[in-house]
Amino acid sequence: MSGPEVTGQGVADQAVARRGRPPSTSRRELRLIALRLFAARGFEATTIEHIAAEAGVSERTFFRYFMSKASVLWNEFDSEVETITTALAAVPDDVPLMDAVRQVVVAANHYRAEDIPEMRLRMQLISTEPALSSSADEHYAAWEQAISEFAGRRLGQPADSLYPLTIGRATLAACRAAYDRWAACADNDLTVYLDAALTALASGFAPETTGSSSRGAGRGTEGGGAGHRRDRA
């Protein structure tokens, strides 16, 4: 991954002087501006100078929030990994392994239905921009490793041995499926889908967690676990 692009600091500072610095520019506001520019101009064609000028801030301000252009799209994901790692380390030993994983993962996520347009744009950029898609695996691997290391501690096994690794990869796959269906359905908070997917995973997809009355009867998450949990929420 390339390092931060720093060009034309004087131009950005002049832009700030012309526009006037807003009272405050949050990380989220800067991220939304960057996403809009990436979508309009392309990721490679958009510079940090462009983002800072559009936001009415200096490039120095941009780097207070993000290390690089790519980190605009991965910053929250990477923060989630840190949050999950810290929270799992504090889980009491008497909480069952998969209950702990589900509770921590759900608590670490805050996306709501109104966030879906932003998330769809983020997903599109990551999947279509080579510079972003080529680095996706390392971010997902860090998320998976956080789960595998916790599972390994609980099982008394190395994190890269069969069962901890299986738990980490299965949990990541379930969460990515939940994310995809949440973004497609746009009918509830992401936590509803995560909770339903991880509950079903932990139970071995028992009928009572998927809404299936018999083996093979399920017709999708929305008709089973997630829909059931929406009624309870």
C-alpha atoms as a PDB file:
ATOM      1  CA  MET A   1       0.000   0.000   0.000  1.00  0.00           C
ATOM      2  CA  SER A   2       1.405   3.390  -0.950  1.00  0.00           C
ATOM      3  CA  GLY A   3       2.117   5.994   1.685  1.00  0.00           C
ATOM      4  CA  PRO A   4       0.234   9.252   2.186  1.00  0.00           C
ATOM      5  CA  GLU A   5       0.197  11.605  -0.794  1.00  0.00           C
ATOM      6  CA  VAL A   6       1.255  15.122   0.183  1.00  0.00           C
ATOM      7  CA  THR A   7       1.191  17.660  -2.632  1.00  0.00           C
ATOM      8  CA  GLY A   8       0.574  21.365  -2.937  1.00  0.00           C
ATOM      9  CA  GLN A   9       0.181  22.266   0.738  1.00  0.00           C
ATOM     10  CA  GLY A  10       0.211  25.938  -0.198  1.00  0.00           C
ATOM     11  CA  VAL A  11      -2.679  25.510  -2.622  1.00  0.00           C
ATOM     12  CA  ALA A  12      -4.788  23.772   0.044  1.00  0.00           C
ATOM     13  CA  ASP A  13      -3.995  26.436   2.619  1.00  0.00           C
ATOM     14  CA  GLN A  14      -5.075  29.138   0.161  1.00  0.00           C
ATOM     15  CA  ALA A  15      -8.307  27.258  -0.447  1.00  0.00           C
ATOM     16  CA  VAL A  16      -8.938  27.185   3.279  1.00  0.00           C
ATOM     17  CA  ALA A  17      -8.298  30.903   3.511  1.00  0.00           C
ATOM     18  CA  ARG A  18     -10.692  31.614   0.636  1.00  0.00           C
ATOM     19  CA  ARG A  19     -13.502  29.403   1.904  1.00  0.00           C
ATOM     20  CA  GLY A  20     -13.032  29.919   5.602  1.00  0.00           C
ATOM     21  CA  ARG A  21     -12.482  27.004   7.929  1.00  0.00           C
ATOM     22  CA  PRO A  22     -15.728  25.466   9.177  1.00  0.00           C
ATOM     23  CA  PRO A  23     -16.271  25.456  12.965  1.00  0.00           C
ATOM     24  CA  SER A  24     -15.319  21.791  12.991  1.00  0.00           C
ATOM     25  CA  THR A  25     -14.819  19.006  10.492  1.00  0.00           C
ATOM     26  CA  SER A  26     -15.428  15.553  11.856  1.00  0.00           C
ATOM     27  CA  ARG A  27     -13.827  12.330  10.706  1.00  0.00           C
ATOM     28  CA  ARG A  28     -17.177  11.228   9.297  1.00  0.00           C
ATOM     29  CA  GLU A  29     -17.691  14.466   7.343  1.00  0.00           C
ATOM     30  CA  LEU A  30     -14.222  14.200   5.846  1.00  0.00           C
ATOM     31  CA  ARG A  31     -14.825  10.549   4.974  1.00  0.00           C
ATOM     32  CA  LEU A  32     -18.113  11.328   3.216  1.00  0.00           C
ATOM     33  CA  ILE A  33     -16.471  14.087   1.189  1.00  0.00           C
ATOM     34  CA  ALA A  34     -13.657  11.730   0.197  1.00  0.00           C
ATOM     35  CA  LEU A  35     -16.114   8.985  -0.805  1.00  0.00           C
ATOM     36  CA  ARG A  36     -18.067  11.384  -3.001  1.00  0.00           C
ATOM     37  CA  LEU A  37     -14.857  12.504  -4.727  1.00  0.00           C
ATOM     38  CA  PHE A  38     -13.671   8.913  -5.184  1.00  0.00           C
ATOM     39  CA  ALA A  39     -17.008   8.045  -6.815  1.00  0.00           C
ATOM     40  CA  ALA A  40     -16.993  11.109  -9.079  1.00  0.00           C
ATOM     41  CA  ARG A  41     -13.318  11.247 -10.090  1.00  0.00           C
ATOM     42  CA  GLY A  42     -12.017   7.771  -9.345  1.00  0.00           C
ATOM     43  CA  PHE A  43      -9.828   6.723  -6.435  1.00  0.00           C
ATOM     44  CA  GLU A  44      -6.511   7.121  -8.229  1.00  0.00           C
ATOM     45  CA  ALA A  45      -7.417  10.501  -9.725  1.00  0.00           C
ATOM     46  CA  THR A  46      -8.492  11.971  -6.388  1.00  0.00           C
ATOM     47  CA  THR A  47      -5.667  13.401  -4.303  1.00  0.00           C
ATOM     48  CA  ILE A  48      -5.543  14.277  -0.640  1.00  0.00           C
ATOM     49  CA  GLU A  49      -5.199  17.878  -1.794  1.00  0.00           C
ATOM     50  CA  HIS A  50      -8.563  17.559  -3.571  1.00  0.00           C
ATOM     51  CA  ILE A  51     -10.234  16.114  -0.469  1.00  0.00           C
ATOM     52  CA  ALA A  52      -8.822  18.750   1.868  1.00  0.00           C
ATOM     53  CA  ALA A  53      -9.755  21.599  -0.480  1.00  0.00           C
ATOM     54  CA  GLU A  54     -13.312  20.292  -0.898  1.00  0.00           C
ATOM     55  CA  ALA A  55     -13.674  20.033   2.873  1.00  0.00           C
ATOM     56  CA  GLY A  56     -12.202  23.487   3.413  1.00  0.00           C
ATOM     57  CA  VAL A  57      -9.381  22.205   5.612  1.00  0.00           C
ATOM     58  CA  SER A  58      -5.637  21.805   5.293  1.00  0.00           C
ATOM     59  CA  GLU A  59      -3.931  18.555   4.367  1.00  0.00           C
ATOM     60  CA  ARG A  60      -2.508  18.599   7.877  1.00  0.00           C
ATOM     61  CA  THR A  61      -6.049  18.299   9.193  1.00  0.00           C
ATOM     62  CA  PHE A  62      -6.707  15.362   6.869  1.00  0.00           C
ATOM     63  CA  PHE A  63      -3.706  13.516   8.296  1.00  0.00           C
ATOM     64  CA  ARG A  64      -4.982  14.050  11.838  1.00  0.00           C
ATOM     65  CA  TYR A  65      -7.827  11.715  10.920  1.00  0.00           C
ATOM     66  CA  PHE A  66      -6.408   9.420   8.225  1.00  0.00           C
ATOM     67  CA  MET A  67      -2.981   8.045   7.390  1.00  0.00           C
ATOM     68  CA  SER A  68      -3.634   7.821   3.639  1.00  0.00           C
ATOM     69  CA  LYS A  69      -6.362   7.877   1.006  1.00  0.00           C
ATOM     70  CA  ALA A  70      -6.964   4.157   1.439  1.00  0.00           C
ATOM     71  CA  SER A  71      -7.406   4.502   5.190  1.00  0.00           C
ATOM     72  CA  VAL A  72     -10.509   6.613   4.522  1.00  0.00           C
ATOM     73  CA  LEU A  73     -12.221   3.368   3.545  1.00  0.00           C
ATOM     74  CA  TRP A  74     -10.570   1.070   6.092  1.00  0.00           C
ATOM     75  CA  ASN A  75     -10.172   3.265   9.170  1.00  0.00           C
ATOM     76  CA  GLU A  76     -13.442   2.263  10.839  1.00  0.00           C
ATOM     77  CA  PHE A  77     -12.956  -1.401   9.971  1.00  0.00           C
ATOM     78  CA  ASP A  78      -9.482  -1.410  11.500  1.00  0.00           C
ATOM     79  CA  SER A  79     -10.790   0.387  14.597  1.00  0.00           C
ATOM     80  CA  GLU A  80     -13.426  -2.325  14.893  1.00  0.00           C
ATOM     81  CA  VAL A  81     -10.680  -4.967  14.932  1.00  0.00           C
ATOM     82  CA  GLU A  82      -8.995  -3.160  17.832  1.00  0.00           C
ATOM     83  CA  THR A  83     -12.306  -2.835  19.679  1.00  0.00           C
ATOM     84  CA  ILE A  84     -13.101  -6.532  19.241  1.00  0.00           C
ATOM     85  CA  THR A  85      -9.614  -7.601  20.342  1.00  0.00           C
ATOM     86  CA  THR A  86      -9.795  -5.485  23.502  1.00  0.00           C
ATOM     87  CA  ALA A  87     -13.333  -6.569  24.360  1.00  0.00           C
ATOM     88  CA  LEU A  88     -12.633 -10.284  23.883  1.00  0.00           C
ATOM     89  CA  ALA A  89      -9.649 -10.032  26.209  1.00  0.00           C
ATOM     90  CA  ALA A  90     -11.998  -8.791  28.939  1.00  0.00           C
ATOM     91  CA  VAL A  91     -14.746 -11.415  28.528  1.00  0.00           C
ATOM     92  CA  PRO A  92     -15.243 -13.488  31.719  1.00  0.00           C
ATOM     93  CA  ASP A  93     -14.226 -17.139  31.408  1.00  0.00           C
ATOM     94  CA  ASP A  94     -17.724 -18.370  32.216  1.00  0.00           C
ATOM     95  CA  VAL A  95     -19.246 -16.835  29.069  1.00  0.00           C
ATOM     96  CA  PRO A  96     -19.479 -19.552  26.375  1.00  0.00           C
ATOM     97  CA  LEU A  97     -17.015 -19.057  23.538  1.00  0.00           C
ATOM     98  CA  MET A  98     -19.453 -18.367  20.710  1.00  0.00           C
ATOM     99  CA  ASP A  99     -21.754 -16.305  22.933  1.00  0.00           C
ATOM    100  CA  ALA A 100     -18.767 -14.129  23.743  1.00  0.00           C
ATOM    101  CA  VAL A 101     -17.868 -13.729  20.070  1.00  0.00           C
ATOM    102  CA  ARG A 102     -21.427 -12.829  19.124  1.00  0.00           C
ATOM    103  CA  GLN A 103     -21.883 -10.329  21.940  1.00  0.00           C
ATOM    104  CA  VAL A 104     -18.572  -8.583  21.276  1.00  0.00           C
ATOM    105  CA  VAL A 105     -18.982  -8.424  17.495  1.00  0.00           C
ATOM    106  CA  VAL A 106     -22.522  -7.068  17.767  1.00  0.00           C
ATOM    107  CA  ALA A 107     -21.481  -4.484  20.362  1.00  0.00           C
ATOM    108  CA  ALA A 108     -18.572  -3.314  18.174  1.00  0.00           C
ATOM    109  CA  ASN A 109     -20.867  -2.432  15.270  1.00  0.00           C
ATOM    110  CA  HIS A 110     -22.992   0.691  15.080  1.00  0.00           C
ATOM    111  CA  TYR A 111     -24.195   0.931  11.502  1.00  0.00           C
ATOM    112  CA  ARG A 112     -27.871   1.731  10.979  1.00  0.00           C
ATOM    113  CA  ALA A 113     -30.155   1.546   7.972  1.00  0.00           C
ATOM    114  CA  GLU A 114     -29.460   5.187   7.123  1.00  0.00           C
ATOM    115  CA  ASP A 115     -25.744   4.373   6.749  1.00  0.00           C
ATOM    116  CA  ILE A 116     -26.368   1.946   3.878  1.00  0.00           C
ATOM    117  CA  PRO A 117     -25.797   4.383   0.953  1.00  0.00           C
ATOM    118  CA  GLU A 118     -22.352   5.192   2.347  1.00  0.00           C
ATOM    119  CA  MET A 119     -21.569   1.519   2.934  1.00  0.00           C
ATOM    120  CA  ARG A 120     -22.706   0.529  -0.562  1.00  0.00           C
ATOM    121  CA  LEU A 121     -20.395   3.134  -2.045  1.00  0.00           C
ATOM    122  CA  ARG A 122     -17.542   1.919   0.134  1.00  0.00           C
ATOM    123  CA  MET A 123     -18.129  -1.699  -0.940  1.00  0.00           C
ATOM    124  CA  GLN A 124     -18.273  -0.702  -4.603  1.00  0.00           C
ATOM    125  CA  LEU A 125     -14.998   1.189  -4.373  1.00  0.00           C
ATOM    126  CA  ILE A 126     -13.218  -1.652  -2.592  1.00  0.00           C
ATOM    127  CA  SER A 127     -14.428  -4.225  -5.118  1.00  0.00           C
ATOM    128  CA  THR A 128     -13.675  -2.185  -8.251  1.00  0.00           C
ATOM    129  CA  GLU A 129     -10.523  -0.229  -7.418  1.00  0.00           C
ATOM    130  CA  PRO A 130      -7.415  -2.462  -7.758  1.00  0.00           C
ATOM    131  CA  ALA A 131      -5.453  -0.437  -5.199  1.00  0.00           C
ATOM    132  CA  LEU A 132      -8.165  -1.116  -2.619  1.00  0.00           C
ATOM    133  CA  SER A 133      -9.216  -4.657  -3.479  1.00  0.00           C
ATOM    134  CA  SER A 134      -5.608  -5.865  -3.455  1.00  0.00           C
ATOM    135  CA  SER A 135      -5.236  -4.837   0.193  1.00  0.00           C
ATOM    136  CA  ALA A 136      -8.634  -6.077   1.387  1.00  0.00           C
ATOM    137  CA  ASP A 137      -7.342  -9.503   2.377  1.00  0.00           C
ATOM    138  CA  GLU A 138      -4.932  -8.130   4.976  1.00  0.00           C
ATOM    139  CA  HIS A 139      -7.728  -6.216   6.718  1.00  0.00           C
ATOM    140  CA  TYR A 140     -10.067  -9.220   6.741  1.00  0.00           C
ATOM    141  CA  ALA A 141      -7.200 -11.418   7.943  1.00  0.00           C
ATOM    142  CA  ALA A 142      -6.625  -9.121  10.936  1.00  0.00           C
ATOM    143  CA  TRP A 143     -10.326  -9.331  11.848  1.00  0.00           C
ATOM    144  CA  GLU A 144     -10.295 -13.111  11.530  1.00  0.00           C
ATOM    145  CA  GLN A 145      -7.118 -13.353  13.601  1.00  0.00           C
ATOM    146  CA  ALA A 146      -8.707 -11.437  16.474  1.00  0.00           C
ATOM    147  CA  ILE A 147     -11.415 -14.121  16.690  1.00  0.00           C
ATOM    148  CA  SER A 148      -9.009 -17.036  16.186  1.00  0.00           C
ATOM    149  CA  GLU A 149      -6.668 -15.819  18.920  1.00  0.00           C
ATOM    150  CA  PHE A 150      -9.549 -15.571  21.382  1.00  0.00           C
ATOM    151  CA  ALA A 151     -10.785 -19.044  20.393  1.00  0.00           C
ATOM    152  CA  GLY A 152      -7.263 -20.405  20.742  1.00  0.00           C
ATOM    153  CA  ARG A 153      -6.959 -19.036  24.284  1.00  0.00           C
ATOM    154  CA  ARG A 154     -10.290 -20.565  25.239  1.00  0.00           C
ATOM    155  CA  LEU A 155      -9.451 -23.939  23.699  1.00  0.00           C
ATOM    156  CA  GLY A 156      -5.847 -23.986  24.863  1.00  0.00           C
ATOM    157  CA  GLN A 157      -4.642 -24.340  21.279  1.00  0.00           C
ATOM    158  CA  PRO A 158      -2.541 -22.221  18.900  1.00  0.00           C
ATOM    159  CA  ALA A 159      -4.569 -19.608  17.052  1.00  0.00           C
ATOM    160  CA  ASP A 160      -3.519 -21.076  13.703  1.00  0.00           C
ATOM    161  CA  SER A 161      -4.491 -24.641  14.591  1.00  0.00           C
ATOM    162  CA  LEU A 162      -7.584 -26.295  13.135  1.00  0.00           C
ATOM    163  CA  TYR A 163     -10.393 -25.346  15.508  1.00  0.00           C
ATOM    164  CA  PRO A 164      -9.443 -21.746  16.379  1.00  0.00           C
ATOM    165  CA  LEU A 165      -8.791 -21.087  12.686  1.00  0.00           C
ATOM    166  CA  THR A 166     -12.139 -22.635  11.754  1.00  0.00           C
ATOM    167  CA  ILE A 167     -13.942 -20.472  14.297  1.00  0.00           C
ATOM    168  CA  GLY A 168     -12.226 -17.322  13.055  1.00  0.00           C
ATOM    169  CA  ARG A 169     -12.947 -17.994   9.399  1.00  0.00           C
ATOM    170  CA  ALA A 170     -16.516 -19.170   9.954  1.00  0.00           C
ATOM    171  CA  THR A 171     -17.261 -16.094  12.065  1.00  0.00           C
ATOM    172  CA  LEU A 172     -15.823 -13.750   9.449  1.00  0.00           C
ATOM    173  CA  ALA A 173     -17.824 -15.474   6.702  1.00  0.00           C
ATOM    174  CA  ALA A 174     -21.042 -15.220   8.726  1.00  0.00           C
ATOM    175  CA  CYS A 175     -20.443 -11.522   9.395  1.00  0.00           C
ATOM    176  CA  ARG A 176     -19.677 -10.763   5.756  1.00  0.00           C
ATOM    177  CA  ALA A 177     -22.887 -12.550   4.744  1.00  0.00           C
ATOM    178  CA  ALA A 178     -24.799 -10.515   7.330  1.00  0.00           C
ATOM    179  CA  TYR A 179     -23.221  -7.314   5.999  1.00  0.00           C
ATOM    180  CA  ASP A 180     -24.130  -8.154   2.403  1.00  0.00           C
ATOM    181  CA  ARG A 181     -27.760  -8.965   3.230  1.00  0.00           C
ATOM    182  CA  TRP A 182     -28.071  -5.858   5.422  1.00  0.00           C
ATOM    183  CA  ALA A 183     -26.786  -3.669   2.590  1.00  0.00           C
ATOM    184  CA  ALA A 184     -29.143  -5.341   0.110  1.00  0.00           C
ATOM    185  CA  CYS A 185     -32.267  -5.227   2.281  1.00  0.00           C
ATOM    186  CA  ALA A 186     -31.773  -1.797   3.901  1.00  0.00           C
ATOM    187  CA  ASP A 187     -34.501  -2.548   6.436  1.00  0.00           C
ATOM    188  CA  ASN A 188     -32.784  -2.524   9.819  1.00  0.00           C
ATOM    189  CA  ASP A 189     -29.563  -1.981  11.735  1.00  0.00           C
ATOM    190  CA  LEU A 190     -26.566  -4.149  10.884  1.00  0.00           C
ATOM    191  CA  THR A 191     -26.564  -5.515  14.436  1.00  0.00           C
ATOM    192  CA  VAL A 192     -29.851  -7.344  13.761  1.00  0.00           C
ATOM    193  CA  TYR A 193     -28.267  -9.299  10.910  1.00  0.00           C
ATOM    194  CA  LEU A 194     -25.016  -9.949  12.762  1.00  0.00           C
ATOM    195  CA  ASP A 195     -26.854 -11.238  15.813  1.00  0.00           C
ATOM    196  CA  ALA A 196     -29.053 -13.542  13.708  1.00  0.00           C
ATOM    197  CA  ALA A 197     -26.144 -14.910  11.638  1.00  0.00           C
ATOM    198  CA  LEU A 198     -23.876 -15.566  14.627  1.00  0.00           C
ATOM    199  CA  THR A 199     -26.682 -17.104  16.685  1.00  0.00           C
ATOM    200  CA  ALA A 200     -27.454 -19.486  13.816  1.00  0.00           C
ATOM    201  CA  LEU A 201     -23.764 -20.284  13.333  1.00  0.00           C
ATOM    202  CA  ALA A 202     -23.279 -21.106  17.013  1.00  0.00           C
ATOM    203  CA  SER A 203     -26.308 -23.416  17.006  1.00  0.00           C
ATOM    204  CA  GLY A 204     -25.258 -25.284  13.889  1.00  0.00           C
ATOM    205  CA  PHE A 205     -28.136 -23.568  12.074  1.00  0.00           C
ATOM    206  CA  ALA A 206     -30.774 -25.223  14.208  1.00  0.00           C
ATOM    207  CA  PRO A 207     -34.336 -24.683  12.922  1.00  0.00           C
ATOM    208  CA  GLU A 208     -35.261 -22.468  15.868  1.00  0.00           C
ATOM    209  CA  THR A 209     -32.529 -19.982  14.892  1.00  0.00           C
ATOM    210  CA  THR A 210     -33.202 -19.929  11.142  1.00  0.00           C
ATOM    211  CA  GLY A 211     -36.981 -20.082  11.056  1.00  0.00           C
ATOM    212  CA  SER A 212     -36.893 -23.436   9.220  1.00  0.00           C
ATOM    213  CA  SER A 213     -39.631 -25.886  10.177  1.00  0.00           C
ATOM    214  CA  SER A 214     -37.714 -28.818   8.724  1.00  0.00           C
ATOM    215  CA  ARG A 215     -34.355 -29.630   7.194  1.00  0.00           C
ATOM    216  CA  GLY A 216     -33.704 -27.594   4.094  1.00  0.00           C
ATOM    217  CA  ALA A 217     -36.893 -25.576   4.504  1.00  0.00           C
ATOM    218  CA  GLY A 218     -35.249 -22.182   5.082  1.00  0.00           C
ATOM    219  CA  ARG A 219     -35.745 -19.581   2.372  1.00  0.00           C
ATOM    220  CA  GLY A 220     -33.191 -16.998   3.405  1.00  0.00           C
ATOM    221  CA  THR A 221     -32.031 -15.131   6.465  1.00  0.00           C
ATOM    222  CA  GLU A 222     -34.687 -12.432   6.177  1.00  0.00           C
ATOM    223  CA  GLY A 223     -37.453 -15.008   6.442  1.00  0.00           C
ATOM    224  CA  GLY A 224     -35.858 -16.710   9.419  1.00  0.00           C
ATOM    225  CA  GLY A 225     -33.413 -15.579  12.046  1.00  0.00           C
ATOM    226  CA  ALA A 226     -33.114 -11.907  11.141  1.00  0.00           C
ATOM    227  CA  GLY A 227     -36.810 -11.439  10.597  1.00  0.00           C
ATOM    228  CA  HIS A 228     -37.585 -13.154  13.857  1.00  0.00           C
ATOM    229  CA  ARG A 229     -35.167 -10.911  15.721  1.00  0.00           C
ATOM    230  CA  ARG A 230     -36.582  -7.788  14.119  1.00  0.00           C
ATOM    231  CA  ASP A 231     -39.937  -8.682  15.668  1.00  0.00           C
ATOM    232  CA  ARG A 232     -38.290  -8.965  19.073  1.00  0.00           C
ATOM    233  CA  ALA A 233     -36.249  -5.773  18.798  1.00  0.00           C
END
